[in-house]
């Protein structure tokens, strides 16, 4: 139980780090925050299109915003997604991605480190 209220609108982040810079991401986050949005959506494979060299950029943009704008992590709800069964994303977790307990935990831990 908590007093935390999740906004009815969620801010998606799938282009941050590819089509949008960290500065633009921060501007979008600030605008959303000013309008009462505290719910953010990210994923371990973001930004899209998926590229190894840019993977995790959206998490890092959110983390940078949280650190530089004094936002309390307990005021922001972050929803993330784990890559499903895939033979090509071997760079994500050192081999083909699977939806196993171990890989889900590894994905969450990596996301938290980026945030």
PDB file of N, CA and C in Angstrom:
ATOM      1  N   UNK A   1       0.836  -1.177   0.000  1.00  0.00           N
ATOM      2  CA  UNK A   1       0.000   0.000   0.000  1.00  0.00           C
ATOM      3  C   UNK A   1       0.880   1.239   0.000  1.00  0.00           C
ATOM      4  N   UNK A   2       0.436   2.230  -0.732  1.00  0.00           N
ATOM      5  CA  UNK A   2       1.225   3.448  -0.903  1.00  0.00           C
ATOM      6  C   UNK A   2       0.299   4.607  -1.234  1.00  0.00           C
ATOM      7  N   UNK A   3       0.797   5.807  -1.033  1.00  0.00           N
ATOM      8  CA  UNK A   3       0.057   7.006  -1.417  1.00  0.00           C
ATOM      9  C   UNK A   3       0.361   7.413  -2.854  1.00  0.00           C
ATOM     10  N   UNK A   4       1.223   6.684  -3.522  1.00  0.00           N
ATOM     11  CA  UNK A   4       1.634   7.004  -4.878  1.00  0.00           C
ATOM     12  C   UNK A   4       0.474   6.825  -5.847  1.00  0.00           C
ATOM     13  N   UNK A   5       0.246   7.833  -6.666  1.00  0.00           N
ATOM     14  CA  UNK A   5      -0.804   7.786  -7.674  1.00  0.00           C
ATOM     15  C   UNK A   5      -0.137   7.768  -9.046  1.00  0.00           C
ATOM     16  N   UNK A   6      -0.535   6.825  -9.873  1.00  0.00           N
ATOM     17  CA  UNK A   6       0.011   6.699 -11.222  1.00  0.00           C
ATOM     18  C   UNK A   6      -0.822   7.554 -12.166  1.00  0.00           C
ATOM     19  N   UNK A   7      -0.152   8.387 -12.951  1.00  0.00           N
ATOM     20  CA  UNK A   7      -0.868   9.237 -13.900  1.00  0.00           C
ATOM     21  C   UNK A   7      -1.579   8.379 -14.945  1.00  0.00           C
ATOM     22  N   UNK A   8      -2.679   8.899 -15.471  1.00  0.00           N
ATOM     23  CA  UNK A   8      -3.439   8.153 -16.477  1.00  0.00           C
ATOM     24  C   UNK A   8      -2.747   8.167 -17.834  1.00  0.00           C
ATOM     25  N   UNK A   9      -1.798   9.064 -18.005  1.00  0.00           N
ATOM     26  CA  UNK A   9      -1.031   9.158 -19.242  1.00  0.00           C
ATOM     27  C   UNK A   9       0.390   8.673 -18.972  1.00  0.00           C
ATOM     28  N   UNK A  10       0.953   7.954 -19.926  1.00  0.00           N
ATOM     29  CA  UNK A  10       2.313   7.424 -19.801  1.00  0.00           C
ATOM     30  C   UNK A  10       3.182   8.032 -20.900  1.00  0.00           C
ATOM     31  N   UNK A  11       4.395   8.426 -20.557  1.00  0.00           N
ATOM     32  CA  UNK A  11       5.323   8.978 -21.543  1.00  0.00           C
ATOM     33  C   UNK A  11       6.208   7.865 -22.084  1.00  0.00           C
ATOM     34  N   UNK A  12       6.112   7.610 -23.378  1.00  0.00           N
ATOM     35  CA  UNK A  12       6.945   6.609 -24.038  1.00  0.00           C
ATOM     36  C   UNK A  12       8.309   7.180 -24.386  1.00  0.00           C
ATOM     37  N   UNK A  13       9.311   6.302 -24.430  1.00  0.00           N
ATOM     38  CA  UNK A  13      10.699   6.754 -24.593  1.00  0.00           C
ATOM     39  C   UNK A  13      11.434   6.061 -25.736  1.00  0.00           C
ATOM     40  N   UNK A  14      10.743   5.352 -26.601  1.00  0.00           N
ATOM     41  CA  UNK A  14      11.427   4.452 -27.526  1.00  0.00           C
ATOM     42  C   UNK A  14      12.333   5.131 -28.544  1.00  0.00           C
ATOM     43  N   UNK A  15      12.225   6.428 -28.731  1.00  0.00           N
ATOM     44  CA  UNK A  15      13.092   7.099 -29.712  1.00  0.00           C
ATOM     45  C   UNK A  15      14.276   7.823 -29.082  1.00  0.00           C
ATOM     46  N   UNK A  16      14.300   7.918 -27.768  1.00  0.00           N
ATOM     47  CA  UNK A  16      15.370   8.668 -27.100  1.00  0.00           C
ATOM     48  C   UNK A  16      16.703   7.958 -27.267  1.00  0.00           C
ATOM     49  N   UNK A  17      17.677   8.702 -27.742  1.00  0.00           N
ATOM     50  CA  UNK A  17      18.989   8.122 -27.989  1.00  0.00           C
ATOM     51  C   UNK A  17      19.195   7.790 -29.452  1.00  0.00           C
ATOM     52  N   UNK A  18      18.141   7.894 -30.247  1.00  0.00           N
ATOM     53  CA  UNK A  18      18.256   7.662 -31.679  1.00  0.00           C
ATOM     54  C   UNK A  18      17.679   8.854 -32.431  1.00  0.00           C
ATOM     55  N   UNK A  19      16.380   9.061 -32.344  1.00  0.00           N
ATOM     56  CA  UNK A  19      15.744  10.201 -32.997  1.00  0.00           C
ATOM     57  C   UNK A  19      15.755  11.446 -32.120  1.00  0.00           C
ATOM     58  N   UNK A  20      15.949  11.263 -30.826  1.00  0.00           N
ATOM     59  CA  UNK A  20      15.958  12.379 -29.882  1.00  0.00           C
ATOM     60  C   UNK A  20      17.224  12.342 -29.041  1.00  0.00           C
ATOM     61  N   UNK A  21      17.750  13.517 -28.733  1.00  0.00           N
ATOM     62  CA  UNK A  21      18.936  13.639 -27.880  1.00  0.00           C
ATOM     63  C   UNK A  21      18.531  13.553 -26.407  1.00  0.00           C
ATOM     64  N   UNK A  22      19.525  13.445 -25.535  1.00  0.00           N
ATOM     65  CA  UNK A  22      19.246  13.476 -24.091  1.00  0.00           C
ATOM     66  C   UNK A  22      18.604  14.797 -23.693  1.00  0.00           C
ATOM     67  N   UNK A  23      19.029  15.881 -24.335  1.00  0.00           N
ATOM     68  CA  UNK A  23      18.463  17.197 -24.023  1.00  0.00           C
ATOM     69  C   UNK A  23      16.985  17.242 -24.404  1.00  0.00           C
ATOM     70  N   UNK A  24      16.647  16.706 -25.570  1.00  0.00           N
ATOM     71  CA  UNK A  24      15.246  16.667 -25.982  1.00  0.00           C
ATOM     72  C   UNK A  24      14.436  15.745 -25.069  1.00  0.00           C
ATOM     73  N   UNK A  25      15.043  14.644 -24.666  1.00  0.00           N
ATOM     74  CA  UNK A  25      14.373  13.740 -23.725  1.00  0.00           C
ATOM     75  C   UNK A  25      14.070  14.477 -22.425  1.00  0.00           C
ATOM     76  N   UNK A  26      15.043  15.231 -21.919  1.00  0.00           N
ATOM     77  CA  UNK A  26      14.847  15.991 -20.678  1.00  0.00           C
ATOM     78  C   UNK A  26      13.737  17.024 -20.846  1.00  0.00           C
ATOM     79  N   UNK A  27      13.685  17.677 -22.003  1.00  0.00           N
ATOM     80  CA  UNK A  27      12.617  18.647 -22.261  1.00  0.00           C
ATOM     81  C   UNK A  27      11.250  17.957 -22.240  1.00  0.00           C
ATOM     82  N   UNK A  28      11.158  16.794 -22.874  1.00  0.00           N
ATOM     83  CA  UNK A  28       9.900  16.048 -22.881  1.00  0.00           C
ATOM     84  C   UNK A  28       9.526  15.596 -21.472  1.00  0.00           C
ATOM     85  N   UNK A  29      10.511  15.123 -20.726  1.00  0.00           N
ATOM     86  CA  UNK A  29      10.264  14.696 -19.345  1.00  0.00           C
ATOM     87  C   UNK A  29       9.804  15.865 -18.482  1.00  0.00           C
ATOM     88  N   UNK A  30      10.458  17.011 -18.616  1.00  0.00           N
ATOM     89  CA  UNK A  30      10.061  18.188 -17.837  1.00  0.00           C
ATOM     90  C   UNK A  30       8.637  18.616 -18.166  1.00  0.00           C
ATOM     91  N   UNK A  31       8.307  18.653 -19.450  1.00  0.00           N
ATOM     92  CA  UNK A  31       6.963  19.048 -19.863  1.00  0.00           C
ATOM     93  C   UNK A  31       5.922  18.062 -19.331  1.00  0.00           C
ATOM     94  N   UNK A  32       6.209  16.780 -19.463  1.00  0.00           N
ATOM     95  CA  UNK A  32       5.279  15.768 -18.955  1.00  0.00           C
ATOM     96  C   UNK A  32       5.116  15.900 -17.445  1.00  0.00           C
ATOM     97  N   UNK A  33       6.232  16.071 -16.733  1.00  0.00           N
ATOM     98  CA  UNK A  33       6.196  16.203 -15.270  1.00  0.00           C
ATOM     99  C   UNK A  33       5.355  17.412 -14.861  1.00  0.00           C
ATOM    100  N   UNK A  34       5.550  18.535 -15.553  1.00  0.00           N
ATOM    101  CA  UNK A  34       4.784  19.756 -15.257  1.00  0.00           C
ATOM    102  C   UNK A  34       3.289  19.545 -15.454  1.00  0.00           C
ATOM    103  N   UNK A  35       2.923  18.624 -16.315  1.00  0.00           N
ATOM    104  CA  UNK A  35       1.520  18.346 -16.599  1.00  0.00           C
ATOM    105  C   UNK A  35       0.982  17.144 -15.811  1.00  0.00           C
ATOM    106  N   UNK A  36       1.764  16.687 -14.841  1.00  0.00           N
ATOM    107  CA  UNK A  36       1.282  15.645 -13.944  1.00  0.00           C
ATOM    108  C   UNK A  36       1.577  14.212 -14.354  1.00  0.00           C
ATOM    109  N   UNK A  37       2.376  14.029 -15.397  1.00  0.00           N
ATOM    110  CA  UNK A  37       2.720  12.673 -15.832  1.00  0.00           C
ATOM    111  C   UNK A  37       3.893  12.168 -14.997  1.00  0.00           C
ATOM    112  N   UNK A  38       3.686  11.052 -14.320  1.00  0.00           N
ATOM    113  CA  UNK A  38       4.765  10.453 -13.521  1.00  0.00           C
ATOM    114  C   UNK A  38       5.019   9.000 -13.917  1.00  0.00           C
ATOM    115  N   UNK A  39       4.443   8.587 -15.036  1.00  0.00           N
ATOM    116  CA  UNK A  39       4.505   7.205 -15.512  1.00  0.00           C
ATOM    117  C   UNK A  39       5.310   7.176 -16.808  1.00  0.00           C
ATOM    118  N   UNK A  40       6.435   6.450 -16.803  1.00  0.00           N
ATOM    119  CA  UNK A  40       7.340   6.391 -17.953  1.00  0.00           C
ATOM    120  C   UNK A  40       7.453   4.959 -18.454  1.00  0.00           C
ATOM    121  N   UNK A  41       7.555   4.815 -19.766  1.00  0.00           N
ATOM    122  CA  UNK A  41       7.685   3.497 -20.377  1.00  0.00           C
ATOM    123  C   UNK A  41       9.024   3.392 -21.097  1.00  0.00           C
ATOM    124  N   UNK A  42       9.760   2.331 -20.817  1.00  0.00           N
ATOM    125  CA  UNK A  42      11.039   2.077 -21.467  1.00  0.00           C
ATOM    126  C   UNK A  42      11.149   0.578 -21.738  1.00  0.00           C
ATOM    127  N   UNK A  43      12.254   0.166 -22.335  1.00  0.00           N
ATOM    128  CA  UNK A  43      12.499  -1.263 -22.590  1.00  0.00           C
ATOM    129  C   UNK A  43      13.989  -1.475 -22.765  1.00  0.00           C
ATOM    130  N   UNK A  44      14.440  -2.687 -22.488  1.00  0.00           N
ATOM    131  CA  UNK A  44      15.875  -2.953 -22.578  1.00  0.00           C
ATOM    132  C   UNK A  44      16.404  -2.827 -23.999  1.00  0.00           C
ATOM    133  N   UNK A  45      15.567  -2.978 -25.010  1.00  0.00           N
ATOM    134  CA  UNK A  45      16.053  -2.882 -26.385  1.00  0.00           C
ATOM    135  C   UNK A  45      15.936  -1.472 -26.965  1.00  0.00           C
ATOM    136  N   UNK A  46      15.356  -0.544 -26.237  1.00  0.00           N
ATOM    137  CA  UNK A  46      15.231   0.830 -26.743  1.00  0.00           C
ATOM    138  C   UNK A  46      16.584   1.511 -26.805  1.00  0.00           C
ATOM    139  N   UNK A  47      16.775   2.435 -27.756  1.00  0.00           N
ATOM    140  CA  UNK A  47      15.798   2.981 -28.683  1.00  0.00           C
ATOM    141  C   UNK A  47      15.590   2.075 -29.898  1.00  0.00           C
ATOM    142  N   UNK A  48      14.524   2.378 -30.618  1.00  0.00           N
ATOM    143  CA  UNK A  48      14.251   1.678 -31.865  1.00  0.00           C
ATOM    144  C   UNK A  48      14.570   2.605 -33.033  1.00  0.00           C
ATOM    145  N   UNK A  49      15.007   2.070 -34.155  1.00  0.00           N
ATOM    146  CA  UNK A  49      15.262   0.659 -34.385  1.00  0.00           C
ATOM    147  C   UNK A  49      16.391   0.153 -33.484  1.00  0.00           C
ATOM    148  N   UNK A  50      16.325  -1.129 -33.163  1.00  0.00           N
ATOM    149  CA  UNK A  50      17.258  -1.750 -32.223  1.00  0.00           C
ATOM    150  C   UNK A  50      18.660  -1.809 -32.826  1.00  0.00           C
ATOM    151  N   UNK A  51      19.629  -1.271 -32.068  1.00  0.00           N
ATOM    152  CA  UNK A  51      21.037  -1.309 -32.474  1.00  0.00           C
ATOM    153  C   UNK A  51      21.886  -1.543 -31.236  1.00  0.00           C
ATOM    154  N   UNK A  52      22.824  -2.440 -31.333  1.00  0.00           N
ATOM    155  CA  UNK A  52      23.663  -2.776 -30.185  1.00  0.00           C
ATOM    156  C   UNK A  52      24.330  -1.545 -29.587  1.00  0.00           C
ATOM    157  N   UNK A  53      24.868  -0.683 -30.430  1.00  0.00           N
ATOM    158  CA  UNK A  53      25.630   0.464 -29.934  1.00  0.00           C
ATOM    159  C   UNK A  53      24.773   1.516 -29.231  1.00  0.00           C
ATOM    160  N   UNK A  54      23.465   1.469 -29.415  1.00  0.00           N
ATOM    161  CA  UNK A  54      22.590   2.459 -28.773  1.00  0.00           C
ATOM    162  C   UNK A  54      21.708   1.857 -27.684  1.00  0.00           C
ATOM    163  N   UNK A  55      21.776   0.560 -27.509  1.00  0.00           N
ATOM    164  CA  UNK A  55      20.915  -0.138 -26.555  1.00  0.00           C
ATOM    165  C   UNK A  55      21.056   0.463 -25.159  1.00  0.00           C
ATOM    166  N   UNK A  56      19.914   0.684 -24.511  1.00  0.00           N
ATOM    167  CA  UNK A  56      19.903   1.216 -23.152  1.00  0.00           C
ATOM    168  C   UNK A  56      19.903   2.730 -23.066  1.00  0.00           C
ATOM    169  N   UNK A  57      19.939   3.414 -24.208  1.00  0.00           N
ATOM    170  CA  UNK A  57      20.013   4.879 -24.199  1.00  0.00           C
ATOM    171  C   UNK A  57      18.812   5.515 -23.515  1.00  0.00           C
ATOM    172  N   UNK A  58      17.638   4.931 -23.660  1.00  0.00           N
ATOM    173  CA  UNK A  58      16.463   5.534 -23.028  1.00  0.00           C
ATOM    174  C   UNK A  58      16.538   5.438 -21.505  1.00  0.00           C
ATOM    175  N   UNK A  59      16.987   4.298 -21.001  1.00  0.00           N
ATOM    176  CA  UNK A  59      17.178   4.166 -19.549  1.00  0.00           C
ATOM    177  C   UNK A  59      18.174   5.204 -19.046  1.00  0.00           C
ATOM    178  N   UNK A  60      19.275   5.365 -19.779  1.00  0.00           N
ATOM    179  CA  UNK A  60      20.300   6.331 -19.351  1.00  0.00           C
ATOM    180  C   UNK A  60      19.759   7.763 -19.379  1.00  0.00           C
ATOM    181  N   UNK A  61      18.924   8.094 -20.365  1.00  0.00           N
ATOM    182  CA  UNK A  61      18.332   9.439 -20.433  1.00  0.00           C
ATOM    183  C   UNK A  61      17.414   9.681 -19.234  1.00  0.00           C
ATOM    184  N   UNK A  62      16.624   8.689 -18.876  1.00  0.00           N
ATOM    185  CA  UNK A  62      15.754   8.811 -17.700  1.00  0.00           C
ATOM    186  C   UNK A  62      16.602   8.955 -16.442  1.00  0.00           C
ATOM    187  N   UNK A  63      17.628   8.136 -16.305  1.00  0.00           N
ATOM    188  CA  UNK A  63      18.511   8.205 -15.140  1.00  0.00           C
ATOM    189  C   UNK A  63      19.184   9.553 -15.004  1.00  0.00           C
ATOM    190  N   UNK A  64      19.651  10.088 -16.126  1.00  0.00           N
ATOM    191  CA  UNK A  64      20.293  11.412 -16.117  1.00  0.00           C
ATOM    192  C   UNK A  64      19.292  12.473 -15.661  1.00  0.00           C
ATOM    193  N   UNK A  65      18.077  12.403 -16.169  1.00  0.00           N
ATOM    194  CA  UNK A  65      17.039  13.360 -15.784  1.00  0.00           C
ATOM    195  C   UNK A  65      16.725  13.248 -14.294  1.00  0.00           C
ATOM    196  N   UNK A  66      16.607  12.033 -13.807  1.00  0.00           N
ATOM    197  CA  UNK A  66      16.337  11.848 -12.377  1.00  0.00           C
ATOM    198  C   UNK A  66      17.448  12.450 -11.519  1.00  0.00           C
ATOM    199  N   UNK A  67      18.691  12.280 -11.933  1.00  0.00           N
ATOM    200  CA  UNK A  67      19.835  12.772 -11.152  1.00  0.00           C
ATOM    201  C   UNK A  67      20.002  14.281 -11.244  1.00  0.00           C
ATOM    202  N   UNK A  68      19.782  14.859 -12.410  1.00  0.00           N
ATOM    203  CA  UNK A  68      20.070  16.284 -12.601  1.00  0.00           C
ATOM    204  C   UNK A  68      18.900  17.191 -12.271  1.00  0.00           C
ATOM    205  N   UNK A  69      17.702  16.643 -12.161  1.00  0.00           N
ATOM    206  CA  UNK A  69      16.540  17.485 -11.888  1.00  0.00           C
ATOM    207  C   UNK A  69      15.960  17.279 -10.500  1.00  0.00           C
ATOM    208  N   UNK A  70      16.645  16.517  -9.688  1.00  0.00           N
ATOM    209  CA  UNK A  70      16.213  16.353  -8.305  1.00  0.00           C
ATOM    210  C   UNK A  70      14.908  15.603  -8.130  1.00  0.00           C
ATOM    211  N   UNK A  71      14.527  14.835  -9.125  1.00  0.00           N
ATOM    212  CA  UNK A  71      13.299  14.049  -8.999  1.00  0.00           C
ATOM    213  C   UNK A  71      13.562  12.865  -8.074  1.00  0.00           C
ATOM    214  N   UNK A  72      12.648  12.627  -7.184  1.00  0.00           N
ATOM    215  CA  UNK A  72      12.770  11.472  -6.300  1.00  0.00           C
ATOM    216  C   UNK A  72      12.323  10.234  -7.064  1.00  0.00           C
ATOM    217  N   UNK A  73      13.148   9.209  -7.038  1.00  0.00           N
ATOM    218  CA  UNK A  73      12.792   7.979  -7.751  1.00  0.00           C
ATOM    219  C   UNK A  73      11.480   7.397  -7.243  1.00  0.00           C
ATOM    220  N   UNK A  74      11.142   7.667  -5.997  1.00  0.00           N
ATOM    221  CA  UNK A  74       9.895   7.108  -5.478  1.00  0.00           C
ATOM    222  C   UNK A  74       8.665   7.907  -5.906  1.00  0.00           C
ATOM    223  N   UNK A  75       8.868   8.958  -6.712  1.00  0.00           N
ATOM    224  CA  UNK A  75       7.749   9.724  -7.264  1.00  0.00           C
ATOM    225  C   UNK A  75       7.459   9.347  -8.713  1.00  0.00           C
ATOM    226  N   UNK A  76       8.347   8.571  -9.311  1.00  0.00           N
ATOM    227  CA  UNK A  76       8.243   8.230 -10.729  1.00  0.00           C
ATOM    228  C   UNK A  76       8.003   6.729 -10.872  1.00  0.00           C
ATOM    229  N   UNK A  77       7.040   6.381 -11.710  1.00  0.00           N
ATOM    230  CA  UNK A  77       6.762   4.976 -11.998  1.00  0.00           C
ATOM    231  C   UNK A  77       7.373   4.668 -13.355  1.00  0.00           C
ATOM    232  N   UNK A  78       8.266   3.693 -13.388  1.00  0.00           N
ATOM    233  CA  UNK A  78       8.933   3.325 -14.632  1.00  0.00           C
ATOM    234  C   UNK A  78       8.538   1.899 -14.990  1.00  0.00           C
ATOM    235  N   UNK A  79       7.906   1.759 -16.144  1.00  0.00           N
ATOM    236  CA  UNK A  79       7.563   0.433 -16.665  1.00  0.00           C
ATOM    237  C   UNK A  79       8.603   0.069 -17.712  1.00  0.00           C
ATOM    238  N   UNK A  80       9.125  -1.128 -17.612  1.00  0.00           N
ATOM    239  CA  UNK A  80      10.102  -1.587 -18.595  1.00  0.00           C
ATOM    240  C   UNK A  80       9.669  -2.936 -19.142  1.00  0.00           C
ATOM    241  N   UNK A  81      10.322  -3.332 -20.223  1.00  0.00           N
ATOM    242  CA  UNK A  81      10.007  -4.605 -20.853  1.00  0.00           C
ATOM    243  C   UNK A  81      11.293  -5.378 -21.109  1.00  0.00           C
ATOM    244  N   UNK A  82      11.175  -6.689 -21.041  1.00  0.00           N
ATOM    245  CA  UNK A  82      12.295  -7.597 -21.279  1.00  0.00           C
ATOM    246  C   UNK A  82      12.168  -8.134 -22.703  1.00  0.00           C
ATOM    247  N   UNK A  83      13.289  -8.193 -23.427  1.00  0.00           N
ATOM    248  CA  UNK A  83      13.258  -8.771 -24.771  1.00  0.00           C
ATOM    249  C   UNK A  83      12.840 -10.232 -24.684  1.00  0.00           C
ATOM    250  N   UNK A  84      11.973 -10.636 -25.576  1.00  0.00           N
ATOM    251  CA  UNK A  84      11.504 -12.014 -25.592  1.00  0.00           C
ATOM    252  C   UNK A  84      12.459 -12.942 -26.319  1.00  0.00           C
ATOM    253  N   UNK A  85      11.966 -14.079 -26.699  1.00  0.00           N
ATOM    254  CA  UNK A  85      12.743 -15.119 -27.369  1.00  0.00           C
ATOM    255  C   UNK A  85      13.312 -14.552 -28.664  1.00  0.00           C
ATOM    256  N   UNK A  86      14.645 -14.512 -28.765  1.00  0.00           N
ATOM    257  CA  UNK A  86      15.283 -13.949 -29.949  1.00  0.00           C
ATOM    258  C   UNK A  86      16.675 -14.539 -30.108  1.00  0.00           C
ATOM    259  N   UNK A  87      16.995 -14.945 -31.311  1.00  0.00           N
ATOM    260  CA  UNK A  87      18.317 -15.501 -31.615  1.00  0.00           C
ATOM    261  C   UNK A  87      19.325 -14.420 -31.990  1.00  0.00           C
ATOM    262  N   UNK A  88      18.860 -13.240 -32.394  1.00  0.00           N
ATOM    263  CA  UNK A  88      19.749 -12.197 -32.919  1.00  0.00           C
ATOM    264  C   UNK A  88      20.299 -11.239 -31.870  1.00  0.00           C
ATOM    265  N   UNK A  89      19.606 -11.043 -30.764  1.00  0.00           N
ATOM    266  CA  UNK A  89      20.031 -10.063 -29.759  1.00  0.00           C
ATOM    267  C   UNK A  89      21.028 -10.669 -28.770  1.00  0.00           C
ATOM    268  N   UNK A  90      22.005 -11.376 -29.270  1.00  0.00           N
ATOM    269  CA  UNK A  90      22.975 -12.063 -28.405  1.00  0.00           C
ATOM    270  C   UNK A  90      23.787 -11.086 -27.570  1.00  0.00           C
ATOM    271  N   UNK A  91      23.916  -9.871 -28.013  1.00  0.00           N
ATOM    272  CA  UNK A  91      24.675  -8.844 -27.300  1.00  0.00           C
ATOM    273  C   UNK A  91      23.942  -8.336 -26.055  1.00  0.00           C
ATOM    274  N   UNK A  92      22.661  -8.615 -25.931  1.00  0.00           N
ATOM    275  CA  UNK A  92      21.916  -8.144 -24.752  1.00  0.00           C
ATOM    276  C   UNK A  92      22.360  -8.842 -23.472  1.00  0.00           C
ATOM    277  N   UNK A  93      22.409 -10.158 -23.528  1.00  0.00           N
ATOM    278  CA  UNK A  93      22.704 -10.925 -22.316  1.00  0.00           C
ATOM    279  C   UNK A  93      23.686 -12.063 -22.571  1.00  0.00           C
ATOM    280  N   UNK A  94      24.560 -11.885 -23.587  1.00  0.00           N
ATOM    281  CA  UNK A  94      25.616 -12.862 -23.829  1.00  0.00           C
ATOM    282  C   UNK A  94      25.172 -14.137 -24.516  1.00  0.00           C
ATOM    283  N   UNK A  95      24.062 -14.107 -25.205  1.00  0.00           N
ATOM    284  CA  UNK A  95      23.545 -15.269 -25.922  1.00  0.00           C
ATOM    285  C   UNK A  95      22.132 -14.974 -26.369  1.00  0.00           C
ATOM    286  N   UNK A  96      21.460 -15.923 -27.005  1.00  0.00           N
ATOM    287  CA  UNK A  96      20.074 -15.696 -27.412  1.00  0.00           C
ATOM    288  C   UNK A  96      19.209 -15.299 -26.208  1.00  0.00           C
ATOM    289  N   UNK A  97      18.273 -14.399 -26.435  1.00  0.00           N
ATOM    290  CA  UNK A  97      17.408 -13.969 -25.332  1.00  0.00           C
ATOM    291  C   UNK A  97      16.268 -14.965 -25.150  1.00  0.00           C
ATOM    292  N   UNK A  98      15.975 -15.211 -23.900  1.00  0.00           N
ATOM    293  CA  UNK A  98      14.896 -16.115 -23.511  1.00  0.00           C
ATOM    294  C   UNK A  98      14.143 -15.479 -22.344  1.00  0.00           C
ATOM    295  N   UNK A  99      12.930 -15.905 -22.148  1.00  0.00           N
ATOM    296  CA  UNK A  99      12.134 -15.390 -21.039  1.00  0.00           C
ATOM    297  C   UNK A  99      12.215 -16.408 -19.898  1.00  0.00           C
ATOM    298  N   UNK A 100      13.381 -16.430 -19.275  1.00  0.00           N
ATOM    299  CA  UNK A 100      13.606 -17.305 -18.129  1.00  0.00           C
ATOM    300  C   UNK A 100      13.758 -16.434 -16.893  1.00  0.00           C
ATOM    301  N   UNK A 101      13.614 -17.033 -15.756  1.00  0.00           N
ATOM    302  CA  UNK A 101      13.784 -16.295 -14.499  1.00  0.00           C
ATOM    303  C   UNK A 101      15.143 -15.596 -14.468  1.00  0.00           C
ATOM    304  N   UNK A 102      16.187 -16.328 -14.827  1.00  0.00           N
ATOM    305  CA  UNK A 102      17.544 -15.776 -14.776  1.00  0.00           C
ATOM    306  C   UNK A 102      17.707 -14.596 -15.728  1.00  0.00           C
ATOM    307  N   UNK A 103      17.172 -14.724 -16.951  1.00  0.00           N
ATOM    308  CA  UNK A 103      17.319 -13.634 -17.913  1.00  0.00           C
ATOM    309  C   UNK A 103      16.447 -12.433 -17.555  1.00  0.00           C
ATOM    310  N   UNK A 104      15.295 -12.665 -16.979  1.00  0.00           N
ATOM    311  CA  UNK A 104      14.455 -11.542 -16.539  1.00  0.00           C
ATOM    312  C   UNK A 104      15.171 -10.774 -15.432  1.00  0.00           C
ATOM    313  N   UNK A 105      15.718 -11.483 -14.473  1.00  0.00           N
ATOM    314  CA  UNK A 105      16.453 -10.828 -13.384  1.00  0.00           C
ATOM    315  C   UNK A 105      17.661 -10.078 -13.934  1.00  0.00           C
ATOM    316  N   UNK A 106      18.396 -10.676 -14.872  1.00  0.00           N
ATOM    317  CA  UNK A 106      19.553 -10.007 -15.481  1.00  0.00           C
ATOM    318  C   UNK A 106      19.124  -8.743 -16.211  1.00  0.00           C
ATOM    319  N   UNK A 107      18.000  -8.802 -16.918  1.00  0.00           N
ATOM    320  CA  UNK A 107      17.490  -7.638 -17.642  1.00  0.00           C
ATOM    321  C   UNK A 107      17.106  -6.515 -16.685  1.00  0.00           C
ATOM    322  N   UNK A 108      16.392  -6.857 -15.630  1.00  0.00           N
ATOM    323  CA  UNK A 108      15.976  -5.852 -14.642  1.00  0.00           C
ATOM    324  C   UNK A 108      17.194  -5.235 -13.957  1.00  0.00           C
ATOM    325  N   UNK A 109      18.148  -6.057 -13.563  1.00  0.00           N
ATOM    326  CA  UNK A 109      19.360  -5.542 -12.914  1.00  0.00           C
ATOM    327  C   UNK A 109      20.125  -4.600 -13.839  1.00  0.00           C
ATOM    328  N   UNK A 110      20.232  -4.949 -15.121  1.00  0.00           N
ATOM    329  CA  UNK A 110      20.936  -4.092 -16.080  1.00  0.00           C
ATOM    330  C   UNK A 110      20.193  -2.772 -16.272  1.00  0.00           C
ATOM    331  N   UNK A 111      18.866  -2.835 -16.336  1.00  0.00           N
ATOM    332  CA  UNK A 111      18.068  -1.617 -16.476  1.00  0.00           C
ATOM    333  C   UNK A 111      18.236  -0.715 -15.259  1.00  0.00           C
ATOM    334  N   UNK A 112      18.183  -1.286 -14.075  1.00  0.00           N
ATOM    335  CA  UNK A 112      18.365  -0.494 -12.851  1.00  0.00           C
ATOM    336  C   UNK A 112      19.742   0.161 -12.813  1.00  0.00           C
ATOM    337  N   UNK A 113      20.756  -0.532 -13.292  1.00  0.00           N
ATOM    338  CA  UNK A 113      22.106   0.046 -13.330  1.00  0.00           C
ATOM    339  C   UNK A 113      22.156   1.233 -14.288  1.00  0.00           C
ATOM    340  N   UNK A 114      21.454   1.143 -15.417  1.00  0.00           N
ATOM    341  CA  UNK A 114      21.436   2.256 -16.375  1.00  0.00           C
ATOM    342  C   UNK A 114      20.642   3.431 -15.829  1.00  0.00           C
ATOM    343  N   UNK A 115      19.598   3.140 -15.073  1.00  0.00           N
ATOM    344  CA  UNK A 115      18.759   4.197 -14.512  1.00  0.00           C
ATOM    345  C   UNK A 115      19.478   4.895 -13.366  1.00  0.00           C
TER     346      UNK A 115
END
